[in-house]
Protein backbone atom coordinates (compact mmCIF):
# COMPACT_ATOMS: atom_id res chain seq x y z
CA MET A 1 0.00 0.00 0.00
CA LYS A 2 2.79 2.41 0.93
CA GLU A 3 4.53 1.70 -2.40
CA LYS A 4 1.37 2.58 -4.34
CA ILE A 5 1.04 5.90 -2.52
CA GLU A 6 4.69 6.75 -3.16
CA LYS A 7 4.31 5.86 -6.83
CA ARG A 8 1.22 8.10 -7.13
CA GLN A 9 3.04 10.98 -5.45
CA GLU A 10 5.93 10.52 -7.89
CA ASN A 11 3.49 10.86 -10.82
CA PHE A 12 2.00 14.12 -9.45
CA LYS A 13 5.07 16.34 -9.56
CA ALA A 14 4.55 20.06 -9.89
CA PRO A 15 5.11 21.19 -13.45
CA ILE A 16 8.37 22.90 -14.28
CA LYS A 17 7.82 26.60 -14.84
CA LEU A 18 8.84 28.09 -18.18
CA GLU A 19 10.22 31.50 -19.05
CA MET A 20 10.94 33.30 -22.27
CA LEU A 21 14.57 34.37 -22.48
CA VAL A 22 15.14 37.38 -24.74
CA THR A 23 18.74 37.90 -25.83
CA VAL A 24 19.85 40.85 -27.96
CA VAL A 25 23.26 40.55 -29.63
CA ASN A 26 25.14 41.88 -32.65
CA ARG A 27 23.81 40.21 -35.79
CA PRO A 28 27.07 38.42 -36.75
CA LYS A 29 27.09 36.70 -33.33
CA ALA A 30 23.51 35.37 -33.52
CA ASP A 31 24.46 31.84 -34.64
CA PHE A 32 27.07 31.57 -31.89
CA PHE A 33 24.56 32.48 -29.16
CA VAL A 34 21.83 30.24 -30.61
CA ASP A 35 24.27 27.30 -30.51
CA LEU A 36 25.37 28.25 -26.99
CA LEU A 37 21.78 28.29 -25.74
CA GLU A 38 20.99 24.93 -27.38
CA GLN A 39 23.56 23.35 -25.04
CA PHE A 40 21.07 23.93 -22.20
CA GLY A 41 18.41 21.68 -23.75
CA ILE A 42 16.36 24.49 -25.25
CA ASN A 43 13.99 23.03 -27.85
CA MET A 44 12.38 26.22 -29.10
CA GLN A 45 14.19 29.34 -30.28
CA MET A 46 13.36 32.06 -32.75
CA VAL A 47 15.70 34.71 -34.14
CA THR A 48 14.50 38.04 -35.50
CA TYR A 49 16.65 40.84 -36.87
CA GLY A 50 16.38 44.46 -35.88
CA GLU A 51 17.99 47.88 -36.09
CA GLY A 52 19.32 49.83 -33.15
CA THR A 53 17.90 53.29 -32.44
CA ALA A 54 21.08 55.28 -31.78
CA SER A 55 21.65 58.40 -33.87
CA SER A 56 24.03 58.13 -36.83
CA GLU A 57 26.44 60.64 -35.23
CA LEU A 58 26.72 58.50 -32.09
CA ILE A 59 27.10 55.30 -34.12
CA ASN A 60 29.91 56.75 -36.22
CA SER A 61 31.78 58.34 -33.31
CA LEU A 62 31.64 55.20 -31.12
CA GLY A 63 31.94 52.64 -33.90
CA LEU A 64 28.72 50.89 -32.89
CA SER A 65 26.73 48.43 -34.95
CA THR A 66 22.99 48.98 -35.32
CA GLN A 67 22.40 45.56 -36.85
CA LYS A 68 21.04 43.40 -34.01
CA ALA A 69 19.63 39.92 -33.61
CA VAL A 70 16.93 39.23 -31.03
CA ILE A 71 16.81 35.60 -29.87
CA PHE A 72 13.62 34.38 -28.19
CA SER A 73 14.10 31.11 -26.27
CA ILE A 74 11.69 29.09 -24.14
CA VAL A 75 13.66 28.00 -21.07
CA ARG A 76 12.97 25.95 -17.96
CA SER A 77 13.09 28.21 -14.91
CA ASP A 78 15.39 25.80 -13.07
CA LYS A 79 18.08 26.45 -15.72
CA ILE A 80 17.79 30.25 -15.88
CA ASN A 81 20.56 31.06 -13.37
CA LYS A 82 23.15 28.90 -15.12
CA ILE A 83 22.16 30.29 -18.53
CA LYS A 84 22.42 33.88 -17.31
CA GLU A 85 25.84 33.22 -15.78
CA THR A 86 27.06 31.70 -19.04
CA LEU A 87 25.67 34.57 -21.14
CA GLU A 88 27.21 37.17 -18.83
CA GLU A 89 30.61 35.49 -19.11
CA LYS A 90 30.36 35.30 -22.93
CA PHE A 91 29.23 38.94 -23.19
CA LYS A 92 32.42 39.93 -21.35
CA THR A 93 34.94 37.63 -23.05
CA ILE A 94 33.94 37.32 -26.72
CA ARG A 95 35.15 39.93 -29.17
CA ASN A 96 32.14 41.97 -30.37
CA GLY A 97 29.98 39.63 -28.28
CA LYS A 98 28.29 42.28 -26.18
CA GLY A 99 24.60 41.88 -25.58
CA ILE A 100 21.75 41.96 -23.12
CA SER A 101 19.31 39.33 -21.93
CA PHE A 102 16.25 39.20 -19.73
CA THR A 103 13.44 36.76 -18.95
CA ILE A 104 9.66 36.97 -19.01
CA PRO A 105 7.73 34.36 -16.98
CA LEU A 106 5.15 32.33 -18.91
CA SER A 107 1.92 31.86 -17.01
CA SER A 108 0.40 29.11 -19.14
CA VAL A 109 0.92 26.77 -22.07
CA ILE A 110 -1.94 25.04 -23.87
CA GLY A 111 -1.49 21.29 -24.41
CA ALA A 112 0.47 18.72 -22.46
CA SER A 113 2.56 17.59 -25.44
CA ILE A 114 3.53 21.17 -26.29
CA TYR A 115 4.50 21.79 -22.68
CA GLN A 116 6.61 18.61 -22.57
CA PHE A 117 8.37 19.64 -25.79
CA MET A 118 9.07 23.16 -24.56
CA CYS A 119 10.56 22.05 -21.26
CA ASN A 120 12.43 19.15 -22.89
CA GLN A 121 10.68 16.68 -20.61
CA ASN A 122 10.84 13.09 -21.83
CA LYS A 123 9.02 10.05 -20.50
CA LYS A 124 12.44 8.60 -19.60
CA LYS A 125 14.36 9.86 -16.61
CA GLU A 126 16.30 12.96 -17.58
CA ALA A 127 20.08 12.88 -17.18
CA LYS A 128 21.28 15.49 -14.71
């Protein structure tokens, strides 16, 4: 009887919360950061391209690039701290790799299979 109760409790784990990670980097570095984020088991990413809003005088005097890539990633909240630490380190150490990132909590996802895909949750035990 005790084994059955423990097994039921194991099946009723609280769902892993998801967040959207938004990362803005220079356009030539987009592929590098997408590959870097994939190492954390992120199944869903989207890259859009944008232009910075600095004036042309400021851009020319500081040698800035206005061509940006915005990476949207769906991330498990239990991995956010490690991802942010990694991004911060890469922003500091990679040539022309400056960027910013922030997260937005997701309050709901429709469909169990979509949720499992987004949080990279398999039926098998996940390797830690």
